[in-house]
Amino acid sequence: SFFHPCCAARKIAMTEGLRALCAQCRKPLCGAVLASGCNHVFHKPCFVAGASCGHCGETLRSETSLSLYNLCCEEKSEYAAYAADVMAAAAKLRASLEGMEDADGTIFDPDFVVQESEGRGVDEVALLCLKRERINSKREELDSEKSRLHTSLETLEHQQRKLRVRQRMTEKLQEEQASEKNKIQRCNDDHEKMLAELNEVRQRATIVEYWDLLRNGQEDEALQKLTALISMISHPWKILAHMARLRDHYRKLSDNHDRERAQADRQLQHLNRERDELERSVWRAQKRKLMG
């Protein structure tokens, strides 16, 4: 069922051959009694806030205690019948609330009033016992939810710690990856630089070998050597461009040399004619002198 028998009523109920006792002094309950937050019943004088419950050891708190009016559980006492009436009223009230969608809201509604059948506050005490039972049940549910929440928070904190460790590892790996990329880039740059230097050396060696073959009159061998060496170079157009510029340079020098030599030949011829003319003039002068 939704409601269970009231703990406070159970504590003070008397069954055949059994009497309810004070949790502190262990004497039969009688007179002014209180139910503690741990669901144990005390004589009002025996209930001391801050002390430990004599039955379970829980600390007693006045704000969680509930007065159960003047009940008595002595043998052949009129209070035994009163306790039985409370239990019966609680069972009747519990049965009337079963099946309701919002039974808790009903019993805690300020406008909810029970009909007193005998005018001794039995139904009111039964209602208070049911409220007490539901409050304790909700408190247990709340404690269970708090426990689950605490466990969830611990799990979340553990996962966050793992996440932070993973993030630090990721950042470290990213730094190492960036460092390795920089090293690879530097190696590639050095490789390109060394290839460029090697090509320059090959170009110089090719030109020198080619020129040596040409000087020795081995033009066919020079052409074959040049073709073979150019095929080994990654950028042969550079060699061809250098050789074209070198050809144009020497062609220009050759043309200039030819022009200068032609001019020198003309000047030499002119000087030779002048020399011949002077020699003839000297010869004629000497001849006239001898004849005169």
Protein backbone atom coordinates (compact mmCIF):
# COMPACT_ATOMS: atom_id res chain seq x y z
CA SER A 1 0.00 0.00 0.00
CA PHE A 2 1.00 3.64 -0.33
CA PHE A 3 1.02 4.26 3.43
CA HIS A 4 2.50 1.99 6.08
CA PRO A 5 1.44 1.75 9.71
CA CYS A 6 2.54 4.77 11.66
CA CYS A 7 5.88 4.20 13.37
CA ALA A 8 4.91 6.31 16.34
CA ALA A 9 1.66 4.41 16.79
CA ARG A 10 3.55 1.12 16.48
CA LYS A 11 5.87 2.23 19.27
CA ILE A 12 3.05 2.97 21.64
CA ALA A 13 0.68 0.16 20.55
CA MET A 14 0.08 -2.72 22.86
CA THR A 15 -0.57 -6.17 21.57
CA GLU A 16 -1.35 -9.21 23.59
CA GLY A 17 1.56 -9.84 25.95
CA LEU A 18 3.61 -6.78 24.76
CA ARG A 19 3.94 -3.22 26.14
CA ALA A 20 5.58 -0.13 24.55
CA LEU A 21 8.53 1.19 26.59
CA CYS A 22 10.35 4.52 26.68
CA ALA A 23 13.47 4.36 24.54
CA GLN A 24 15.49 6.09 27.29
CA CYS A 25 14.31 4.83 30.68
CA ARG A 26 12.82 1.54 29.36
CA LYS A 27 9.64 2.02 31.41
CA PRO A 28 6.08 1.75 30.06
CA LEU A 29 4.98 4.84 28.17
CA CYS A 30 2.46 6.95 29.99
CA GLY A 31 1.44 10.59 30.16
CA ALA A 32 3.15 13.16 27.94
CA VAL A 33 5.22 11.35 25.32
CA LEU A 34 7.28 12.43 22.31
CA ALA A 35 8.27 10.70 19.10
CA SER A 36 11.85 11.48 18.02
CA GLY A 37 13.23 11.96 14.50
CA CYS A 38 14.55 8.39 14.60
CA ASN A 39 10.95 7.08 15.21
CA HIS A 40 11.44 6.12 18.86
CA VAL A 41 9.08 7.22 21.65
CA PHE A 42 10.15 8.86 24.93
CA HIS A 43 8.58 10.20 28.06
CA LYS A 44 8.66 13.94 27.68
CA PRO A 45 11.03 14.33 30.71
CA CYS A 46 13.30 11.61 29.28
CA PHE A 47 13.65 13.44 25.94
CA VAL A 48 16.80 15.65 26.19
CA ALA A 49 17.78 17.55 23.05
CA GLY A 50 21.40 16.85 22.12
CA ALA A 51 21.50 13.53 23.95
CA SER A 52 21.74 10.17 22.20
CA CYS A 53 18.76 7.93 21.63
CA GLY A 54 18.89 5.01 24.06
CA HIS A 55 17.69 2.64 21.34
CA CYS A 56 19.66 3.59 18.18
CA GLY A 57 22.21 6.19 19.38
CA GLU A 58 21.03 8.98 17.04
CA THR A 59 21.29 12.53 18.39
CA LEU A 60 17.93 13.81 19.63
CA ARG A 61 16.65 17.09 18.16
CA SER A 62 13.72 19.02 19.50
CA GLU A 63 12.82 20.48 16.09
CA THR A 64 12.24 16.97 14.70
CA SER A 65 10.26 15.66 17.70
CA LEU A 66 6.49 15.18 17.65
CA SER A 67 4.14 15.25 20.61
CA LEU A 68 1.85 12.24 20.74
CA TYR A 69 -0.47 13.71 23.36
CA ASN A 70 -1.16 11.87 26.60
CA LEU A 71 -0.81 8.22 25.78
CA CYS A 72 -0.17 5.35 28.16
CA CYS A 73 0.84 1.80 27.45
CA GLU A 74 0.57 0.36 30.96
CA GLU A 75 -1.31 -2.87 31.40
CA LYS A 76 -5.07 -2.46 31.83
CA SER A 77 -4.73 1.28 31.24
CA GLU A 78 -7.27 3.42 29.49
CA TYR A 79 -4.47 4.69 27.22
CA ALA A 80 -4.04 1.25 25.68
CA ALA A 81 -7.48 1.55 24.19
CA TYR A 82 -6.67 5.05 23.00
CA ALA A 83 -3.56 3.76 21.22
CA ALA A 84 -5.60 1.03 19.57
CA ASP A 85 -8.08 3.63 18.42
CA VAL A 86 -5.25 5.70 16.93
CA MET A 87 -3.98 2.68 15.02
CA ALA A 88 -7.45 1.88 13.74
CA ALA A 89 -8.04 5.50 12.68
CA ALA A 90 -4.67 5.57 10.91
CA ALA A 91 -5.51 2.38 9.04
CA LYS A 92 -8.92 3.75 8.06
CA LEU A 93 -7.43 7.05 6.89
CA ARG A 94 -4.71 5.21 4.98
CA ALA A 95 -7.29 3.06 3.23
CA SER A 96 -9.31 6.14 2.26
CA LEU A 97 -6.25 7.77 0.70
CA GLU A 98 -5.18 4.72 -1.30
CA GLY A 99 -5.73 5.12 -5.02
CA MET A 100 -5.49 8.93 -4.93
CA GLU A 101 -3.05 10.42 -7.47
CA ASP A 102 -1.81 13.07 -5.01
CA ALA A 103 -2.25 11.49 -1.62
CA ASP A 104 0.69 13.45 -0.17
CA GLY A 105 -0.76 16.72 -1.36
CA THR A 106 -4.06 15.79 0.21
CA ILE A 107 -2.81 15.00 3.71
CA PHE A 108 -0.51 18.07 3.74
CA ASP A 109 -3.20 20.40 2.39
CA PRO A 110 -4.03 22.96 5.13
CA ASP A 111 -7.71 22.73 4.14
CA PHE A 112 -7.80 18.95 4.61
CA VAL A 113 -9.70 18.20 7.81
CA VAL A 114 -10.49 14.77 9.22
CA GLN A 115 -13.88 14.15 10.79
CA GLU A 116 -13.52 13.36 14.49
CA SER A 117 -15.67 10.39 15.33
CA GLU A 118 -15.28 10.44 19.12
CA GLY A 119 -13.97 13.92 19.85
CA ARG A 120 -10.75 12.68 21.53
CA GLY A 121 -8.39 13.80 18.75
CA VAL A 122 -7.89 10.22 17.55
CA ASP A 123 -8.27 11.07 13.85
CA GLU A 124 -6.08 14.13 14.22
CA VAL A 125 -3.34 12.06 15.89
CA ALA A 126 -3.69 9.44 13.15
CA LEU A 127 -3.31 12.15 10.50
CA LEU A 128 -0.21 13.48 12.27
CA CYS A 129 1.22 9.97 12.36
CA LEU A 130 0.63 9.56 8.63
CA LYS A 131 2.23 12.93 7.95
CA ARG A 132 5.17 11.89 10.10
CA GLU A 133 5.48 8.65 8.14
CA ARG A 134 5.43 10.44 4.78
CA ILE A 135 7.94 13.03 5.99
CA ASN A 136 10.33 10.28 7.08
CA SER A 137 9.77 8.47 3.77
CA LYS A 138 10.48 11.66 1.82
CA ARG A 139 13.53 12.27 3.99
CA GLU A 140 14.82 8.81 3.15
CA GLU A 141 14.16 9.44 -0.55
CA LEU A 142 15.95 12.77 -0.25
CA ASP A 143 18.90 11.13 1.47
CA SER A 144 18.98 8.51 -1.28
CA GLU A 145 18.88 11.22 -3.96
CA LYS A 146 21.62 13.11 -2.13
CA SER A 147 23.69 9.94 -2.05
CA ARG A 148 23.16 9.36 -5.77
CA LEU A 149 23.91 13.03 -6.47
CA HIS A 150 27.08 12.81 -4.41
CA THR A 151 28.10 9.69 -6.32
CA SER A 152 27.30 11.42 -9.62
CA LEU A 153 29.33 14.46 -8.58
CA GLU A 154 32.27 12.26 -7.64
CA THR A 155 31.98 10.47 -10.98
CA LEU A 156 31.75 13.81 -12.79
CA GLU A 157 34.79 15.14 -10.94
CA HIS A 158 36.69 11.96 -11.80
CA GLN A 159 35.72 12.30 -15.46
CA GLN A 160 36.70 15.98 -15.42
CA ARG A 161 40.10 15.07 -13.98
CA LYS A 162 40.53 12.47 -16.72
CA LEU A 163 39.43 15.06 -19.28
CA ARG A 164 41.96 17.59 -17.98
CA VAL A 165 44.69 14.95 -18.14
CA ARG A 166 43.66 14.08 -21.71
CA GLN A 167 43.62 17.77 -22.64
CA ARG A 168 47.13 18.25 -21.23
CA MET A 169 48.29 15.17 -23.12
CA THR A 170 46.64 16.50 -26.29
CA GLU A 171 48.28 19.89 -25.88
CA LYS A 172 51.65 18.22 -25.32
CA LEU A 173 51.18 16.05 -28.41
CA GLN A 174 50.18 19.11 -30.44
CA GLU A 175 53.31 20.94 -29.29
CA GLU A 176 55.44 17.92 -30.18
CA GLN A 177 53.69 17.68 -33.55
CA ALA A 178 54.32 21.37 -34.25
CA SER A 179 57.97 20.92 -33.25
CA GLU A 180 58.33 17.91 -35.57
CA LYS A 181 56.68 19.85 -38.41
CA ASN A 182 59.19 22.66 -37.90
CA LYS A 183 62.04 20.16 -37.99
CA ILE A 184 60.66 18.59 -41.18
CA GLN A 185 60.30 22.03 -42.75
CA ARG A 186 63.88 22.90 -41.85
CA CYS A 187 65.08 19.59 -43.30
CA ASN A 188 63.14 20.27 -46.50
CA ASP A 189 64.64 23.75 -46.74
CA ASP A 190 68.13 22.35 -46.20
CA HIS A 191 67.44 19.68 -48.81
CA GLU A 192 66.34 22.26 -51.38
CA LYS A 193 69.37 24.40 -50.60
CA MET A 194 71.74 21.45 -51.00
CA LEU A 195 70.06 20.48 -54.29
CA ALA A 196 70.50 24.03 -55.55
CA GLU A 197 74.19 24.01 -54.58
CA LEU A 198 74.63 20.59 -56.17
CA ASN A 199 73.03 21.81 -59.40
CA GLU A 200 75.35 24.79 -59.45
CA VAL A 201 78.37 22.51 -58.99
CA ARG A 202 77.10 20.23 -61.77
CA GLN A 203 76.56 23.21 -64.02
CA ARG A 204 80.09 24.47 -63.48
CA ALA A 205 81.55 21.01 -63.95
CA THR A 206 79.48 20.49 -67.10
CA ILE A 207 80.65 23.74 -68.64
CA VAL A 208 84.28 23.04 -67.78
CA GLU A 209 84.20 19.52 -69.23
CA TYR A 210 82.30 20.70 -72.27
CA TRP A 211 84.83 23.50 -72.86
CA ASP A 212 87.79 21.14 -72.45
CA LEU A 213 86.38 18.81 -75.09
CA LEU A 214 85.78 21.71 -77.44
CA ARG A 215 89.35 22.97 -77.00
CA ASN A 216 90.60 19.52 -77.84
CA GLY A 217 88.52 19.52 -81.03
CA GLN A 218 86.20 16.78 -79.85
CA GLU A 219 82.96 18.51 -80.80
CA ASP A 220 80.85 15.34 -81.11
CA GLU A 221 82.06 14.03 -77.76
CA ALA A 222 81.43 17.45 -76.24
CA LEU A 223 77.84 17.42 -77.49
CA GLN A 224 77.26 13.91 -76.12
CA LYS A 225 78.79 14.84 -72.76
CA LEU A 226 76.66 17.94 -72.56
CA THR A 227 73.47 16.00 -73.40
CA ALA A 228 74.19 13.27 -70.81
CA LEU A 229 75.03 15.72 -68.05
CA ILE A 230 72.01 17.90 -68.71
CA SER A 231 69.68 14.89 -68.33
CA MET A 232 71.04 14.39 -64.77
CA ILE A 233 70.23 17.91 -63.63
CA SER A 234 66.80 18.74 -62.18
CA HIS A 235 66.62 22.13 -63.91
CA PRO A 236 68.56 21.80 -67.18
CA TRP A 237 67.08 25.00 -68.58
CA LYS A 238 69.38 26.94 -66.29
CA ILE A 239 72.44 25.41 -67.91
CA LEU A 240 71.05 26.08 -71.37
CA ALA A 241 70.25 29.64 -70.42
CA HIS A 242 73.77 30.15 -69.02
CA MET A 243 75.29 28.61 -72.12
CA ALA A 244 73.13 30.80 -74.36
CA ARG A 245 74.25 33.87 -72.49
CA LEU A 246 77.85 32.65 -72.63
CA ARG A 247 77.51 32.02 -76.37
CA ASP A 248 76.06 35.47 -76.95
CA HIS A 249 78.81 36.98 -74.83
CA TYR A 250 81.62 35.27 -76.70
CA ARG A 251 79.88 35.91 -80.01
CA LYS A 252 79.80 39.59 -79.15
CA LEU A 253 83.44 39.47 -78.10
CA SER A 254 84.29 37.65 -81.32
CA ASP A 255 82.41 40.19 -83.41
CA ASN A 256 84.14 43.04 -81.63
CA HIS A 257 87.47 41.31 -82.12
CA ASP A 258 86.75 40.82 -85.82
CA ARG A 259 85.78 44.45 -86.21
CA GLU A 260 88.86 45.64 -84.35
CA ARG A 261 91.08 43.32 -86.39
CA ALA A 262 89.53 44.55 -89.65
CA GLN A 263 90.03 48.11 -88.52
CA ALA A 264 93.59 47.32 -87.54
CA ASP A 265 94.15 45.68 -90.93
CA ARG A 266 92.85 48.79 -92.67
CA GLN A 267 95.06 50.98 -90.54
CA LEU A 268 98.00 48.68 -91.27
CA GLN A 269 97.33 48.87 -94.97
CA HIS A 270 97.06 52.65 -94.76
CA LEU A 271 100.32 52.81 -92.84
CA ASN A 272 101.95 50.46 -95.33
CA ARG A 273 100.84 52.72 -98.20
CA GLU A 274 102.15 55.75 -96.39
CA ARG A 275 105.41 53.93 -95.74
CA ASP A 276 105.69 52.95 -99.36
CA GLU A 277 104.92 56.50 -100.42
CA LEU A 278 107.59 57.83 -98.07
CA GLU A 279 110.08 55.27 -99.30
CA ARG A 280 109.39 56.31 -102.88
CA SER A 281 109.69 59.96 -101.95
CA VAL A 282 113.04 59.25 -100.24
CA TRP A 283 114.24 57.26 -103.23
CA ARG A 284 113.31 60.08 -105.65
CA ALA A 285 114.96 62.61 -103.44
CA GLN A 286 118.16 60.59 -103.23
CA LYS A 287 118.08 60.06 -106.98
CA ARG A 288 117.74 63.78 -107.70
CA LYS A 289 120.55 64.46 -105.30
CA LEU A 290 122.85 62.02 -107.06
CA MET A 291 121.98 63.38 -110.47
CA GLY A 292 122.47 66.97 -109.47
